[in-house]
């Protein structure tokens, strides 16, 4: 599920509407539907992951990251899984509001 929090206080969860908001900013929203893979779905739904689980999740996304690397020339990657009940969520969102 995607959720876009707008500066004016609105929240948008419809993916097509989020795309429409981000597109003028030059931001492309890509969906990677892993919900059909039970193990990955469970990892994405977990509130907290251990190091081994984090590695497993990153490996699951390897082919997608490789596609992005080839398409855009990226040299590094980040994967951030946030939930509404993530401690200090607002603080974490501020960290990721800029390219890094």
Protein backbone atom coordinates (compact mmCIF):
# COMPACT_ATOMS: atom_id res chain seq x y z
CA UNK A 1 0.00 0.00 0.00
CA UNK A 2 1.20 3.46 -0.85
CA UNK A 3 0.34 6.57 1.13
CA UNK A 4 1.28 10.09 0.15
CA UNK A 5 1.10 12.73 2.89
CA UNK A 6 0.72 16.16 1.35
CA UNK A 7 2.00 19.37 2.87
CA UNK A 8 -1.58 20.65 3.11
CA UNK A 9 -2.49 17.76 5.42
CA UNK A 10 -4.20 15.55 2.84
CA UNK A 11 -3.36 11.88 2.57
CA UNK A 12 -3.68 10.06 -0.75
CA UNK A 13 -3.70 6.26 -0.93
CA UNK A 14 -4.91 5.69 -4.51
CA UNK A 15 -1.79 4.74 -6.50
CA UNK A 16 -2.94 6.44 -9.71
CA UNK A 17 -3.66 9.67 -7.83
CA UNK A 18 -0.27 9.47 -6.12
CA UNK A 19 1.38 9.03 -9.53
CA UNK A 20 -0.49 12.09 -10.81
CA UNK A 21 0.79 14.15 -7.85
CA UNK A 22 4.39 12.98 -8.21
CA UNK A 23 4.72 13.08 -11.99
CA UNK A 24 5.04 16.89 -12.32
CA UNK A 25 7.90 16.68 -9.82
CA UNK A 26 9.78 14.23 -12.03
CA UNK A 27 9.19 11.37 -9.60
CA UNK A 28 8.24 7.96 -10.95
CA UNK A 29 6.25 5.63 -8.69
CA UNK A 30 6.93 1.96 -9.41
CA UNK A 31 4.81 -0.81 -7.95
CA UNK A 32 6.43 -4.12 -7.15
CA UNK A 33 3.57 -6.44 -6.16
CA UNK A 34 5.11 -8.98 -3.81
CA UNK A 35 1.89 -9.74 -1.93
CA UNK A 36 1.53 -13.00 -3.87
CA UNK A 37 4.72 -14.33 -2.24
CA UNK A 38 3.63 -15.27 1.30
CA UNK A 39 7.10 -15.10 2.92
CA UNK A 40 7.87 -11.67 1.45
CA UNK A 41 4.39 -10.42 2.26
CA UNK A 42 4.89 -11.49 5.89
CA UNK A 43 8.27 -9.75 6.07
CA UNK A 44 6.81 -6.54 4.65
CA UNK A 45 4.00 -6.66 7.20
CA UNK A 46 6.30 -7.22 10.19
CA UNK A 47 6.83 -4.35 12.62
CA UNK A 48 10.48 -5.24 13.16
CA UNK A 49 12.96 -7.37 11.20
CA UNK A 50 16.16 -9.05 12.32
CA UNK A 51 19.33 -8.85 10.21
CA UNK A 52 18.68 -12.21 8.51
CA UNK A 53 15.13 -11.17 7.62
CA UNK A 54 16.35 -7.84 6.27
CA UNK A 55 18.87 -9.66 4.06
CA UNK A 56 16.15 -12.01 2.82
CA UNK A 57 13.92 -9.09 1.95
CA UNK A 58 16.72 -7.30 0.10
CA UNK A 59 17.49 -10.46 -1.87
CA UNK A 60 13.84 -10.67 -2.90
CA UNK A 61 14.17 -7.20 -4.45
CA UNK A 62 17.56 -7.84 -6.12
CA UNK A 63 16.18 -8.23 -9.65
CA UNK A 64 14.10 -5.06 -9.31
CA UNK A 65 17.09 -3.08 -8.04
CA UNK A 66 19.20 -4.46 -10.89
CA UNK A 67 16.59 -3.22 -13.38
CA UNK A 68 16.72 0.24 -11.81
CA UNK A 69 20.51 0.21 -11.79
CA UNK A 70 20.62 -0.64 -15.50
CA UNK A 71 17.90 1.85 -16.38
CA UNK A 72 19.15 4.83 -14.36
CA UNK A 73 22.78 4.00 -13.58
CA UNK A 74 22.27 3.82 -9.82
CA UNK A 75 25.25 2.69 -7.77
CA UNK A 76 23.56 2.12 -4.40
CA UNK A 77 20.16 1.22 -3.03
CA UNK A 78 17.94 1.79 -0.05
CA UNK A 79 14.94 -0.17 1.04
CA UNK A 80 12.79 1.38 3.72
CA UNK A 81 9.70 -0.38 5.03
CA UNK A 82 7.58 1.90 7.19
CA UNK A 83 4.30 1.24 8.95
CA UNK A 84 1.84 3.60 10.57
CA UNK A 85 2.83 2.16 13.96
CA UNK A 86 6.58 2.53 13.33
CA UNK A 87 8.12 4.32 16.33
CA UNK A 88 9.13 7.91 15.54
CA UNK A 89 7.56 7.63 12.06
CA UNK A 90 7.45 11.39 11.50
CA UNK A 91 11.15 11.65 12.36
CA UNK A 92 12.00 8.85 9.91
CA UNK A 93 9.91 10.44 7.17
CA UNK A 94 11.86 13.69 7.57
CA UNK A 95 15.09 11.75 6.95
CA UNK A 96 13.75 10.39 3.67
CA UNK A 97 12.10 13.56 2.38
CA UNK A 98 15.25 14.43 0.46
CA UNK A 99 17.47 12.45 -1.87
CA UNK A 100 20.32 10.84 -0.01
